[in-house]
């Protein structure tokens, strides 16, 4: 399949720049694959679509303040850093944007006295994207752990299509709202955005209906948003991302699957997590690891019966997963209707529930 098949034209004014006053105020488009129907609702009515015994799967990953603003020590040029993975204490893979070319051994300083970093290498397997240069290896010089420093000066790693002045109150709001209410395990550089619509009230209403809830962890990294640059999508490779399923959630997943109850995933990331495992007898395996599962049209979903998701970027692997689950024809029809009805798109945008 050609990458061009996954593009669509989106008016820029439909890209949500800020969260709504309440998480569950977002609109909810309902897709039914059986009759190719499309209906419209609001997320506050999300529990109405569930039955007793359904299993809802959430991704409890937590976004850490992975974005840093620094300066090149020798020139004072601005440097923007997005940390992606700590390879060993004090050494990180990072995507970097700067006012000029960055050379090895370039020193970067930050607003916190005594905190600096040096570029020590380049990941030749990562070609970067329009926003950032190819992934680099950087080493931090600090007596404190980098994660402790990030809590002091790190910024919320918002996607580049969300524009912010970090001196304004909106960036403070992002710390709360670019995070799910059930986030608990730090390690993601982007939010599992389908989960941003949930409130404690929504979760409690689901539980009262007899809906079972299980949590998995997939730390959203470069694999999720790495741009597809090959003409034919089958040639694209996903960067591996860490996932984990605890024993309690594994038991819930196995039991729901064996009893043929509906499994609904809140997002593409828990979908990729559950589709990366196997169930044999009493065992679910693996319970942790790194997944590079790439789901695109033609994929046979083994576990997911319904999918909650946001509206995704053209040409993205996230959109390809949605096309695979909903079917290309229905998905294209839904996106066209969403644009016509002025749905809000991307991370802070509205949601779609596909049965």
C-alpha atoms as a PDB file:
ATOM      1  CA  UNK A   1       0.000   0.000   0.000  1.00  0.00           C
ATOM      2  CA  UNK A   2       1.250   3.461  -0.867  1.00  0.00           C
ATOM      3  CA  UNK A   3       1.772   6.089   1.810  1.00  0.00           C
ATOM      4  CA  UNK A   4      -0.243   8.517  -0.329  1.00  0.00           C
ATOM      5  CA  UNK A   5      -3.387   6.458   0.437  1.00  0.00           C
ATOM      6  CA  UNK A   6      -3.235   7.688   4.043  1.00  0.00           C
ATOM      7  CA  UNK A   7      -3.252  11.422   3.421  1.00  0.00           C
ATOM      8  CA  UNK A   8      -6.136  13.859   3.755  1.00  0.00           C
ATOM      9  CA  UNK A   9      -6.475  17.649   3.776  1.00  0.00           C
ATOM     10  CA  UNK A  10      -7.162  19.188   7.168  1.00  0.00           C
ATOM     11  CA  UNK A  11      -7.921  22.876   7.735  1.00  0.00           C
ATOM     12  CA  UNK A  12      -5.412  24.215  10.261  1.00  0.00           C
ATOM     13  CA  UNK A  13      -8.162  25.755  12.373  1.00  0.00           C
ATOM     14  CA  UNK A  14      -9.392  22.240  13.274  1.00  0.00           C
ATOM     15  CA  UNK A  15      -6.128  21.369  15.041  1.00  0.00           C
ATOM     16  CA  UNK A  16      -6.979  21.690  18.749  1.00  0.00           C
ATOM     17  CA  UNK A  17      -4.518  24.022  20.463  1.00  0.00           C
ATOM     18  CA  UNK A  18      -5.946  23.809  23.986  1.00  0.00           C
ATOM     19  CA  UNK A  19      -7.918  21.299  26.035  1.00  0.00           C
ATOM     20  CA  UNK A  20     -11.612  21.916  26.623  1.00  0.00           C
ATOM     21  CA  UNK A  21     -12.688  23.161  30.083  1.00  0.00           C
ATOM     22  CA  UNK A  22     -13.692  19.632  31.070  1.00  0.00           C
ATOM     23  CA  UNK A  23     -12.104  16.445  29.733  1.00  0.00           C
ATOM     24  CA  UNK A  24     -15.429  14.791  28.952  1.00  0.00           C
ATOM     25  CA  UNK A  25     -16.808  17.829  27.046  1.00  0.00           C
ATOM     26  CA  UNK A  26     -15.206  16.468  23.879  1.00  0.00           C
ATOM     27  CA  UNK A  27     -17.335  15.189  21.026  1.00  0.00           C
ATOM     28  CA  UNK A  28     -17.548  11.471  20.373  1.00  0.00           C
ATOM     29  CA  UNK A  29     -18.049   9.984  16.924  1.00  0.00           C
ATOM     30  CA  UNK A  30     -19.434   6.418  16.915  1.00  0.00           C
ATOM     31  CA  UNK A  31     -18.529   4.079  14.068  1.00  0.00           C
ATOM     32  CA  UNK A  32     -20.313   0.741  13.610  1.00  0.00           C
ATOM     33  CA  UNK A  33     -18.424  -1.558  11.240  1.00  0.00           C
ATOM     34  CA  UNK A  34     -21.373  -3.950  10.812  1.00  0.00           C
ATOM     35  CA  UNK A  35     -23.594  -1.445   9.031  1.00  0.00           C
ATOM     36  CA  UNK A  36     -20.988   1.237   8.209  1.00  0.00           C
ATOM     37  CA  UNK A  37     -22.968   3.789  10.219  1.00  0.00           C
ATOM     38  CA  UNK A  38     -21.693   6.965  11.847  1.00  0.00           C
ATOM     39  CA  UNK A  39     -23.353   8.654  14.831  1.00  0.00           C
ATOM     40  CA  UNK A  40     -22.435  11.642  16.988  1.00  0.00           C
ATOM     41  CA  UNK A  41     -22.440  12.106  20.743  1.00  0.00           C
ATOM     42  CA  UNK A  42     -20.331  13.597  23.537  1.00  0.00           C
ATOM     43  CA  UNK A  43     -17.762  11.789  25.653  1.00  0.00           C
ATOM     44  CA  UNK A  44     -19.801  12.374  28.806  1.00  0.00           C
ATOM     45  CA  UNK A  45     -22.116   9.651  27.429  1.00  0.00           C
ATOM     46  CA  UNK A  46     -19.262   7.214  26.770  1.00  0.00           C
ATOM     47  CA  UNK A  47     -20.413   4.714  29.472  1.00  0.00           C
ATOM     48  CA  UNK A  48     -23.751   4.290  27.646  1.00  0.00           C
ATOM     49  CA  UNK A  49     -22.001   2.137  25.048  1.00  0.00           C
ATOM     50  CA  UNK A  50     -20.801  -0.453  27.546  1.00  0.00           C
ATOM     51  CA  UNK A  51     -22.333  -3.602  29.009  1.00  0.00           C
ATOM     52  CA  UNK A  52     -21.695  -5.541  32.188  1.00  0.00           C
ATOM     53  CA  UNK A  53     -18.717  -7.816  31.644  1.00  0.00           C
ATOM     54  CA  UNK A  54     -16.948  -5.655  29.073  1.00  0.00           C
ATOM     55  CA  UNK A  55     -13.228  -5.185  29.657  1.00  0.00           C
ATOM     56  CA  UNK A  56     -11.812  -1.696  29.147  1.00  0.00           C
ATOM     57  CA  UNK A  57      -8.053  -1.567  28.652  1.00  0.00           C
ATOM     58  CA  UNK A  58      -6.170   1.628  29.616  1.00  0.00           C
ATOM     59  CA  UNK A  59      -2.541   2.637  29.133  1.00  0.00           C
ATOM     60  CA  UNK A  60      -1.286   3.980  32.482  1.00  0.00           C
ATOM     61  CA  UNK A  61       1.956   5.425  31.135  1.00  0.00           C
ATOM     62  CA  UNK A  62       2.865   8.854  32.507  1.00  0.00           C
ATOM     63  CA  UNK A  63       4.410  11.657  30.455  1.00  0.00           C
ATOM     64  CA  UNK A  64       7.611  12.998  31.970  1.00  0.00           C
ATOM     65  CA  UNK A  65       8.885  16.565  31.324  1.00  0.00           C
ATOM     66  CA  UNK A  66      11.169  15.425  28.506  1.00  0.00           C
ATOM     67  CA  UNK A  67      11.612  18.775  26.757  1.00  0.00           C
ATOM     68  CA  UNK A  68      14.535  21.039  27.608  1.00  0.00           C
ATOM     69  CA  UNK A  69      15.548  24.480  26.340  1.00  0.00           C
ATOM     70  CA  UNK A  70      19.258  25.250  26.422  1.00  0.00           C
ATOM     71  CA  UNK A  71      22.021  27.200  24.720  1.00  0.00           C
ATOM     72  CA  UNK A  72      25.208  26.218  22.944  1.00  0.00           C
ATOM     73  CA  UNK A  73      27.980  27.283  25.305  1.00  0.00           C
ATOM     74  CA  UNK A  74      30.306  28.578  22.602  1.00  0.00           C
ATOM     75  CA  UNK A  75      27.772  30.631  20.578  1.00  0.00           C
ATOM     76  CA  UNK A  76      24.717  31.118  22.780  1.00  0.00           C
ATOM     77  CA  UNK A  77      22.496  29.653  20.052  1.00  0.00           C
ATOM     78  CA  UNK A  78      19.174  28.199  21.194  1.00  0.00           C
ATOM     79  CA  UNK A  79      18.882  24.417  21.480  1.00  0.00           C
ATOM     80  CA  UNK A  80      15.663  22.485  22.013  1.00  0.00           C
ATOM     81  CA  UNK A  81      15.987  18.913  23.264  1.00  0.00           C
ATOM     82  CA  UNK A  82      13.430  16.123  23.415  1.00  0.00           C
ATOM     83  CA  UNK A  83      14.751  13.263  25.520  1.00  0.00           C
ATOM     84  CA  UNK A  84      13.573   9.872  24.262  1.00  0.00           C
ATOM     85  CA  UNK A  85      15.424   7.125  26.146  1.00  0.00           C
ATOM     86  CA  UNK A  86      18.007   6.827  28.906  1.00  0.00           C
ATOM     87  CA  UNK A  87      20.544   4.250  27.708  1.00  0.00           C
ATOM     88  CA  UNK A  88      22.606   4.349  30.903  1.00  0.00           C
ATOM     89  CA  UNK A  89      22.770   6.704  33.911  1.00  0.00           C
ATOM     90  CA  UNK A  90      23.259  10.247  32.642  1.00  0.00           C
ATOM     91  CA  UNK A  91      23.305   9.283  28.948  1.00  0.00           C
ATOM     92  CA  UNK A  92      20.203   9.771  26.818  1.00  0.00           C
ATOM     93  CA  UNK A  93      19.027   9.444  23.271  1.00  0.00           C
ATOM     94  CA  UNK A  94      17.545  12.782  22.289  1.00  0.00           C
ATOM     95  CA  UNK A  95      16.009  14.532  19.327  1.00  0.00           C
ATOM     96  CA  UNK A  96      17.510  17.986  19.003  1.00  0.00           C
ATOM     97  CA  UNK A  97      16.528  21.181  17.205  1.00  0.00           C
ATOM     98  CA  UNK A  98      19.007  24.064  17.096  1.00  0.00           C
ATOM     99  CA  UNK A  99      19.781  27.362  15.402  1.00  0.00           C
ATOM    100  CA  UNK A 100      22.675  25.729  13.544  1.00  0.00           C
ATOM    101  CA  UNK A 101      24.331  22.385  12.931  1.00  0.00           C
ATOM    102  CA  UNK A 102      25.339  20.506  16.041  1.00  0.00           C
ATOM    103  CA  UNK A 103      28.750  18.880  16.157  1.00  0.00           C
ATOM    104  CA  UNK A 104      30.013  16.151  18.437  1.00  0.00           C
ATOM    105  CA  UNK A 105      31.397  17.510  21.746  1.00  0.00           C
ATOM    106  CA  UNK A 106      29.141  20.576  21.563  1.00  0.00           C
ATOM    107  CA  UNK A 107      28.346  21.639  25.126  1.00  0.00           C
ATOM    108  CA  UNK A 108      24.823  22.757  25.998  1.00  0.00           C
ATOM    109  CA  UNK A 109      24.016  24.771  29.099  1.00  0.00           C
ATOM    110  CA  UNK A 110      20.672  25.216  30.852  1.00  0.00           C
ATOM    111  CA  UNK A 111      19.007  27.746  33.158  1.00  0.00           C
ATOM    112  CA  UNK A 112      19.858  25.687  36.233  1.00  0.00           C
ATOM    113  CA  UNK A 113      23.380  26.522  37.413  1.00  0.00           C
ATOM    114  CA  UNK A 114      25.814  23.654  37.092  1.00  0.00           C
ATOM    115  CA  UNK A 115      23.599  21.649  34.749  1.00  0.00           C
ATOM    116  CA  UNK A 116      24.961  21.009  31.274  1.00  0.00           C
ATOM    117  CA  UNK A 117      25.186  18.335  28.610  1.00  0.00           C
ATOM    118  CA  UNK A 118      27.585  17.317  25.849  1.00  0.00           C
ATOM    119  CA  UNK A 119      26.708  15.720  22.523  1.00  0.00           C
ATOM    120  CA  UNK A 120      28.697  12.493  22.388  1.00  0.00           C
ATOM    121  CA  UNK A 121      27.316  10.741  19.316  1.00  0.00           C
ATOM    122  CA  UNK A 122      24.653  10.329  16.658  1.00  0.00           C
ATOM    123  CA  UNK A 123      22.158   7.545  16.056  1.00  0.00           C
ATOM    124  CA  UNK A 124      22.814   6.648  12.423  1.00  0.00           C
ATOM    125  CA  UNK A 125      19.661   4.512  12.309  1.00  0.00           C
ATOM    126  CA  UNK A 126      17.384   7.450  13.039  1.00  0.00           C
ATOM    127  CA  UNK A 127      16.861   9.965  10.250  1.00  0.00           C
ATOM    128  CA  UNK A 128      15.003  12.589  12.285  1.00  0.00           C
ATOM    129  CA  UNK A 129      12.008  14.497  10.924  1.00  0.00           C
ATOM    130  CA  UNK A 130      10.960  17.986   9.867  1.00  0.00           C
ATOM    131  CA  UNK A 131      11.120  19.323  13.429  1.00  0.00           C
ATOM    132  CA  UNK A 132      14.254  17.662  14.770  1.00  0.00           C
ATOM    133  CA  UNK A 133      17.637  16.497  13.570  1.00  0.00           C
ATOM    134  CA  UNK A 134      18.590  12.825  13.668  1.00  0.00           C
ATOM    135  CA  UNK A 135      18.594  11.366  17.151  1.00  0.00           C
ATOM    136  CA  UNK A 136      21.742  12.130  19.162  1.00  0.00           C
ATOM    137  CA  UNK A 137      23.378  10.719  22.240  1.00  0.00           C
ATOM    138  CA  UNK A 138      23.934  13.308  24.945  1.00  0.00           C
ATOM    139  CA  UNK A 139      25.643  13.019  28.311  1.00  0.00           C
ATOM    140  CA  UNK A 140      24.564  15.183  31.236  1.00  0.00           C
ATOM    141  CA  UNK A 141      26.938  16.586  33.819  1.00  0.00           C
ATOM    142  CA  UNK A 142      25.179  16.768  37.167  1.00  0.00           C
ATOM    143  CA  UNK A 143      25.466  15.307  40.645  1.00  0.00           C
ATOM    144  CA  UNK A 144      21.683  14.944  40.674  1.00  0.00           C
ATOM    145  CA  UNK A 145      19.835  12.439  38.495  1.00  0.00           C
ATOM    146  CA  UNK A 146      18.600  13.816  35.200  1.00  0.00           C
ATOM    147  CA  UNK A 147      15.016  12.949  36.118  1.00  0.00           C
ATOM    148  CA  UNK A 148      15.323  15.038  39.294  1.00  0.00           C
ATOM    149  CA  UNK A 149      16.605  17.937  37.192  1.00  0.00           C
ATOM    150  CA  UNK A 150      13.765  17.515  34.705  1.00  0.00           C
ATOM    151  CA  UNK A 151      11.222  17.973  37.493  1.00  0.00           C
ATOM    152  CA  UNK A 152      12.772  21.412  38.044  1.00  0.00           C
ATOM    153  CA  UNK A 153      13.300  22.742  34.520  1.00  0.00           C
ATOM    154  CA  UNK A 154      11.798  20.206  32.096  1.00  0.00           C
ATOM    155  CA  UNK A 155       8.772  21.166  29.995  1.00  0.00           C
ATOM    156  CA  UNK A 156       5.763  19.142  28.901  1.00  0.00           C
ATOM    157  CA  UNK A 157       6.729  17.546  25.549  1.00  0.00           C
ATOM    158  CA  UNK A 158       3.774  18.787  23.534  1.00  0.00           C
ATOM    159  CA  UNK A 159       3.580  17.811  19.848  1.00  0.00           C
ATOM    160  CA  UNK A 160       4.967  20.451  17.452  1.00  0.00           C
ATOM    161  CA  UNK A 161       1.497  21.275  16.062  1.00  0.00           C
ATOM    162  CA  UNK A 162       0.483  22.639  19.492  1.00  0.00           C
ATOM    163  CA  UNK A 163       1.994  26.104  19.809  1.00  0.00           C
ATOM    164  CA  UNK A 164       2.971  27.492  23.192  1.00  0.00           C
ATOM    165  CA  UNK A 165       4.717  30.398  24.839  1.00  0.00           C
ATOM    166  CA  UNK A 166       6.102  28.696  27.931  1.00  0.00           C
ATOM    167  CA  UNK A 167       5.947  31.903  29.941  1.00  0.00           C
ATOM    168  CA  UNK A 168       2.162  31.858  29.682  1.00  0.00           C
ATOM    169  CA  UNK A 169      -0.267  30.078  32.078  1.00  0.00           C
ATOM    170  CA  UNK A 170      -1.391  27.646  29.343  1.00  0.00           C
ATOM    171  CA  UNK A 171       1.911  25.770  29.613  1.00  0.00           C
ATOM    172  CA  UNK A 172       1.208  25.222  33.317  1.00  0.00           C
ATOM    173  CA  UNK A 173      -2.222  23.851  32.465  1.00  0.00           C
ATOM    174  CA  UNK A 174      -0.581  21.434  30.007  1.00  0.00           C
ATOM    175  CA  UNK A 175       1.242  19.737  32.882  1.00  0.00           C
ATOM    176  CA  UNK A 176      -2.137  18.591  34.178  1.00  0.00           C
ATOM    177  CA  UNK A 177      -4.160  18.166  31.009  1.00  0.00           C
ATOM    178  CA  UNK A 178      -1.548  16.506  28.763  1.00  0.00           C
ATOM    179  CA  UNK A 179      -1.753  13.568  31.155  1.00  0.00           C
ATOM    180  CA  UNK A 180      -4.457  11.001  31.800  1.00  0.00           C
ATOM    181  CA  UNK A 181      -6.174  10.961  35.202  1.00  0.00           C
ATOM    182  CA  UNK A 182      -4.936   7.378  35.667  1.00  0.00           C
ATOM    183  CA  UNK A 183      -1.297   7.970  34.639  1.00  0.00           C
ATOM    184  CA  UNK A 184       0.997   6.273  37.132  1.00  0.00           C
ATOM    185  CA  UNK A 185       4.149   4.907  35.477  1.00  0.00           C
ATOM    186  CA  UNK A 186       6.544   7.568  34.237  1.00  0.00           C
ATOM    187  CA  UNK A 187       8.333   7.022  30.953  1.00  0.00           C
ATOM    188  CA  UNK A 188       6.349   8.433  28.008  1.00  0.00           C
ATOM    189  CA  UNK A 189       7.363  11.364  25.813  1.00  0.00           C
ATOM    190  CA  UNK A 190       3.814  11.735  24.464  1.00  0.00           C
ATOM    191  CA  UNK A 191       0.411  11.155  26.021  1.00  0.00           C
ATOM    192  CA  UNK A 192      -1.843   8.237  25.058  1.00  0.00           C
ATOM    193  CA  UNK A 193      -4.335  10.816  23.839  1.00  0.00           C
ATOM    194  CA  UNK A 194      -7.495   8.693  23.745  1.00  0.00           C
ATOM    195  CA  UNK A 195      -7.173   8.533  27.515  1.00  0.00           C
ATOM    196  CA  UNK A 196      -7.221  12.323  27.945  1.00  0.00           C
ATOM    197  CA  UNK A 197     -11.037  12.347  27.754  1.00  0.00           C
ATOM    198  CA  UNK A 198     -11.559  10.234  30.880  1.00  0.00           C
ATOM    199  CA  UNK A 199     -12.558  11.695  34.234  1.00  0.00           C
ATOM    200  CA  UNK A 200     -12.851   9.952  37.584  1.00  0.00           C
ATOM    201  CA  UNK A 201     -16.628  10.233  37.212  1.00  0.00           C
ATOM    202  CA  UNK A 202     -16.574   8.440  33.838  1.00  0.00           C
ATOM    203  CA  UNK A 203     -14.443   5.639  35.291  1.00  0.00           C
ATOM    204  CA  UNK A 204     -16.740   5.295  38.327  1.00  0.00           C
ATOM    205  CA  UNK A 205     -19.841   5.133  36.114  1.00  0.00           C
ATOM    206  CA  UNK A 206     -18.236   2.376  34.052  1.00  0.00           C
ATOM    207  CA  UNK A 207     -17.422   0.392  37.174  1.00  0.00           C
ATOM    208  CA  UNK A 208     -20.998   0.772  38.459  1.00  0.00           C
ATOM    209  CA  UNK A 209     -22.242  -0.737  35.190  1.00  0.00           C
ATOM    210  CA  UNK A 210     -20.093  -3.793  35.828  1.00  0.00           C
ATOM    211  CA  UNK A 211     -17.391  -2.898  33.321  1.00  0.00           C
ATOM    212  CA  UNK A 212     -14.030  -4.399  34.254  1.00  0.00           C
ATOM    213  CA  UNK A 213     -10.997  -2.144  33.897  1.00  0.00           C
ATOM    214  CA  UNK A 214      -7.433  -3.323  33.354  1.00  0.00           C
ATOM    215  CA  UNK A 215      -4.272  -1.287  32.942  1.00  0.00           C
ATOM    216  CA  UNK A 216      -1.236  -1.956  30.802  1.00  0.00           C
ATOM    217  CA  UNK A 217       1.839   0.181  30.241  1.00  0.00           C
ATOM    218  CA  UNK A 218       3.339   1.210  26.935  1.00  0.00           C
ATOM    219  CA  UNK A 219       5.784   4.078  27.211  1.00  0.00           C
ATOM    220  CA  UNK A 220       5.014   6.175  24.151  1.00  0.00           C
ATOM    221  CA  UNK A 221       8.283   6.914  22.396  1.00  0.00           C
ATOM    222  CA  UNK A 222       9.655   7.504  18.923  1.00  0.00           C
ATOM    223  CA  UNK A 223       7.985   4.346  17.615  1.00  0.00           C
ATOM    224  CA  UNK A 224       4.504   5.834  17.925  1.00  0.00           C
ATOM    225  CA  UNK A 225       5.115   9.137  16.149  1.00  0.00           C
ATOM    226  CA  UNK A 226       8.116   8.338  13.915  1.00  0.00           C
ATOM    227  CA  UNK A 227       7.116   9.573  10.448  1.00  0.00           C
ATOM    228  CA  UNK A 228       6.656   7.066   7.641  1.00  0.00           C
ATOM    229  CA  UNK A 229       9.020   8.042   4.824  1.00  0.00           C
ATOM    230  CA  UNK A 230       8.847   4.987   2.581  1.00  0.00           C
ATOM    231  CA  UNK A 231       6.688   5.061  -0.556  1.00  0.00           C
ATOM    232  CA  UNK A 232       5.151   1.724   0.401  1.00  0.00           C
ATOM    233  CA  UNK A 233       4.122   1.526   4.058  1.00  0.00           C
ATOM    234  CA  UNK A 234       5.088  -2.146   4.389  1.00  0.00           C
ATOM    235  CA  UNK A 235       8.727  -1.034   4.208  1.00  0.00           C
ATOM    236  CA  UNK A 236       8.405   1.133   7.339  1.00  0.00           C
ATOM    237  CA  UNK A 237       9.900  -0.151  10.588  1.00  0.00           C
ATOM    238  CA  UNK A 238       8.625   0.880  14.017  1.00  0.00           C
ATOM    239  CA  UNK A 239      11.107   1.809  16.739  1.00  0.00           C
ATOM    240  CA  UNK A 240      10.623  -0.601  19.679  1.00  0.00           C
ATOM    241  CA  UNK A 241       8.771   0.753  22.731  1.00  0.00           C
ATOM    242  CA  UNK A 242       8.708  -0.713  26.227  1.00  0.00           C
ATOM    243  CA  UNK A 243       5.500  -2.355  27.435  1.00  0.00           C
ATOM    244  CA  UNK A 244       4.457  -4.082  30.632  1.00  0.00           C
ATOM    245  CA  UNK A 245       1.380  -5.988  31.827  1.00  0.00           C
ATOM    246  CA  UNK A 246       1.067  -6.842  35.507  1.00  0.00           C
ATOM    247  CA  UNK A 247      -0.245 -10.208  36.686  1.00  0.00           C
ATOM    248  CA  UNK A 248      -3.661  -8.839  37.677  1.00  0.00           C
ATOM    249  CA  UNK A 249      -4.287  -7.261  34.268  1.00  0.00           C
ATOM    250  CA  UNK A 250      -2.980 -10.362  32.480  1.00  0.00           C
ATOM    251  CA  UNK A 251      -5.530 -12.501  34.333  1.00  0.00           C
ATOM    252  CA  UNK A 252      -8.353 -10.097  33.428  1.00  0.00           C
ATOM    253  CA  UNK A 253      -7.332 -10.096  29.758  1.00  0.00           C
ATOM    254  CA  UNK A 254      -7.064 -13.885  29.592  1.00  0.00           C
ATOM    255  CA  UNK A 255     -10.397 -14.409  31.349  1.00  0.00           C
ATOM    256  CA  UNK A 256     -12.263 -11.899  29.158  1.00  0.00           C
ATOM    257  CA  UNK A 257     -10.752 -13.420  26.029  1.00  0.00           C
ATOM    258  CA  UNK A 258     -11.531 -17.009  27.016  1.00  0.00           C
ATOM    259  CA  UNK A 259     -15.116 -16.040  27.931  1.00  0.00           C
ATOM    260  CA  UNK A 260     -15.479 -14.159  24.638  1.00  0.00           C
ATOM    261  CA  UNK A 261     -16.364 -10.905  26.379  1.00  0.00           C
ATOM    262  CA  UNK A 262     -15.747  -7.613  24.602  1.00  0.00           C
ATOM    263  CA  UNK A 263     -12.318  -6.049  25.009  1.00  0.00           C
ATOM    264  CA  UNK A 264     -12.318  -2.300  24.361  1.00  0.00           C
ATOM    265  CA  UNK A 265      -8.990  -0.481  24.155  1.00  0.00           C
ATOM    266  CA  UNK A 266      -8.669   3.201  25.044  1.00  0.00           C
ATOM    267  CA  UNK A 267      -6.204   4.114  22.349  1.00  0.00           C
ATOM    268  CA  UNK A 268      -3.787   2.746  19.794  1.00  0.00           C
ATOM    269  CA  UNK A 269      -1.065   2.078  22.387  1.00  0.00           C
ATOM    270  CA  UNK A 270      -3.002  -0.405  24.571  1.00  0.00           C
ATOM    271  CA  UNK A 271      -4.175  -1.956  21.293  1.00  0.00           C
ATOM    272  CA  UNK A 272      -0.576  -2.532  20.171  1.00  0.00           C
ATOM    273  CA  UNK A 273       0.309  -3.783  23.650  1.00  0.00           C
ATOM    274  CA  UNK A 274      -2.382  -6.449  23.829  1.00  0.00           C
ATOM    275  CA  UNK A 275      -1.865  -7.461  20.201  1.00  0.00           C
ATOM    276  CA  UNK A 276       1.827  -8.049  21.015  1.00  0.00           C
ATOM    277  CA  UNK A 277       1.108 -10.860  23.479  1.00  0.00           C
ATOM    278  CA  UNK A 278       0.065 -14.506  23.234  1.00  0.00           C
ATOM    279  CA  UNK A 279      -2.280 -16.529  25.422  1.00  0.00           C
ATOM    280  CA  UNK A 280      -1.449 -20.191  25.838  1.00  0.00           C
ATOM    281  CA  UNK A 281      -3.271 -22.242  28.467  1.00  0.00           C
ATOM    282  CA  UNK A 282      -3.134 -20.374  31.760  1.00  0.00           C
ATOM    283  CA  UNK A 283      -0.273 -18.126  30.689  1.00  0.00           C
ATOM    284  CA  UNK A 284      -0.085 -14.701  29.098  1.00  0.00           C
ATOM    285  CA  UNK A 285       3.330 -13.932  27.666  1.00  0.00           C
ATOM    286  CA  UNK A 286       5.413 -11.918  27.467  1.00  0.00           C
ATOM    287  CA  UNK A 287       4.387  -9.738  30.412  1.00  0.00           C
ATOM    288  CA  UNK A 288       7.022  -7.164  29.533  1.00  0.00           C
ATOM    289  CA  UNK A 289       9.346  -6.368  26.686  1.00  0.00           C
ATOM    290  CA  UNK A 290       9.700  -4.065  23.713  1.00  0.00           C
ATOM    291  CA  UNK A 291       7.218  -4.079  20.865  1.00  0.00           C
ATOM    292  CA  UNK A 292       7.773  -2.903  17.314  1.00  0.00           C
ATOM    293  CA  UNK A 293       4.381  -4.150  16.136  1.00  0.00           C
ATOM    294  CA  UNK A 294       3.227  -2.149  13.121  1.00  0.00           C
ATOM    295  CA  UNK A 295      -0.514  -2.452  12.481  1.00  0.00           C
ATOM    296  CA  UNK A 296      -1.846  -1.402   9.079  1.00  0.00           C
ATOM    297  CA  UNK A 297      -4.734  -2.503   6.818  1.00  0.00           C
ATOM    298  CA  UNK A 298      -4.808  -6.265   6.391  1.00  0.00           C
ATOM    299  CA  UNK A 299      -3.862  -6.919  10.023  1.00  0.00           C
ATOM    300  CA  UNK A 300      -6.068  -9.475  11.800  1.00  0.00           C
ATOM    301  CA  UNK A 301      -6.900  -8.203  15.295  1.00  0.00           C
ATOM    302  CA  UNK A 302      -6.862 -11.093  17.775  1.00  0.00           C
ATOM    303  CA  UNK A 303      -8.024  -9.388  20.974  1.00  0.00           C
ATOM    304  CA  UNK A 304      -9.450  -5.913  20.323  1.00  0.00           C
ATOM    305  CA  UNK A 305     -13.235  -5.792  19.789  1.00  0.00           C
ATOM    306  CA  UNK A 306     -13.723  -2.027  19.995  1.00  0.00           C
ATOM    307  CA  UNK A 307     -11.345   0.913  19.828  1.00  0.00           C
ATOM    308  CA  UNK A 308     -11.478   4.415  21.294  1.00  0.00           C
ATOM    309  CA  UNK A 309      -9.124   6.782  19.524  1.00  0.00           C
ATOM    310  CA  UNK A 310      -8.518  10.427  18.637  1.00  0.00           C
ATOM    311  CA  UNK A 311      -8.281  11.836  15.114  1.00  0.00           C
ATOM    312  CA  UNK A 312      -4.729  11.355  13.870  1.00  0.00           C
ATOM    313  CA  UNK A 313      -2.197  13.016  11.585  1.00  0.00           C
ATOM    314  CA  UNK A 314      -2.234  12.201   7.872  1.00  0.00           C
ATOM    315  CA  UNK A 315       0.281   9.518   6.945  1.00  0.00           C
ATOM    316  CA  UNK A 316       0.888   8.474  10.551  1.00  0.00           C
ATOM    317  CA  UNK A 317       1.143   4.904  11.822  1.00  0.00           C
ATOM    318  CA  UNK A 318      -1.706   5.771  14.211  1.00  0.00           C
ATOM    319  CA  UNK A 319      -4.010   6.553  11.299  1.00  0.00           C
ATOM    320  CA  UNK A 320      -2.942   3.307   9.630  1.00  0.00           C
ATOM    321  CA  UNK A 321      -3.981   1.350  12.722  1.00  0.00           C
ATOM    322  CA  UNK A 322      -7.390   3.055  12.666  1.00  0.00           C
ATOM    323  CA  UNK A 323      -7.787   2.223   8.972  1.00  0.00           C
ATOM    324  CA  UNK A 324      -6.900  -1.387   9.793  1.00  0.00           C
ATOM    325  CA  UNK A 325      -9.527  -1.606  12.539  1.00  0.00           C
ATOM    326  CA  UNK A 326     -12.394   0.371  10.996  1.00  0.00           C
ATOM    327  CA  UNK A 327     -11.725  -0.512   7.375  1.00  0.00           C
ATOM    328  CA  UNK A 328     -10.329   2.032   4.925  1.00  0.00           C
ATOM    329  CA  UNK A 329     -13.668   2.965   3.366  1.00  0.00           C
ATOM    330  CA  UNK A 330     -15.466   3.632   6.663  1.00  0.00           C
ATOM    331  CA  UNK A 331     -12.458   5.392   8.189  1.00  0.00           C
ATOM    332  CA  UNK A 332     -12.135   7.742   5.216  1.00  0.00           C
ATOM    333  CA  UNK A 333     -15.869   8.463   5.366  1.00  0.00           C
ATOM    334  CA  UNK A 334     -15.578   9.206   9.112  1.00  0.00           C
ATOM    335  CA  UNK A 335     -12.654  11.596   8.674  1.00  0.00           C
ATOM    336  CA  UNK A 336     -14.444  13.418   5.868  1.00  0.00           C
ATOM    337  CA  UNK A 337     -17.541  13.827   8.051  1.00  0.00           C
ATOM    338  CA  UNK A 338     -15.432  14.917  11.044  1.00  0.00           C
ATOM    339  CA  UNK A 339     -13.931  17.709   8.944  1.00  0.00           C
ATOM    340  CA  UNK A 340     -17.329  18.757   7.608  1.00  0.00           C
ATOM    341  CA  UNK A 341     -18.772  18.870  11.135  1.00  0.00           C
ATOM    342  CA  UNK A 342     -15.680  20.672  12.444  1.00  0.00           C
ATOM    343  CA  UNK A 343     -14.494  18.115  14.950  1.00  0.00           C
ATOM    344  CA  UNK A 344     -11.337  19.055  16.826  1.00  0.00           C
ATOM    345  CA  UNK A 345      -8.293  17.053  15.682  1.00  0.00           C
ATOM    346  CA  UNK A 346      -5.145  15.536  17.192  1.00  0.00           C
ATOM    347  CA  UNK A 347      -3.966  15.356  20.815  1.00  0.00           C
ATOM    348  CA  UNK A 348      -6.370  17.809  22.458  1.00  0.00           C
ATOM    349  CA  UNK A 349      -9.109  17.017  19.976  1.00  0.00           C
ATOM    350  CA  UNK A 350     -12.276  14.924  19.947  1.00  0.00           C
ATOM    351  CA  UNK A 351     -12.640  11.148  20.007  1.00  0.00           C
ATOM    352  CA  UNK A 352     -13.930   8.288  17.894  1.00  0.00           C
ATOM    353  CA  UNK A 353     -15.322   4.976  19.205  1.00  0.00           C
ATOM    354  CA  UNK A 354     -15.234   2.119  16.689  1.00  0.00           C
ATOM    355  CA  UNK A 355     -17.261  -1.060  17.209  1.00  0.00           C
END
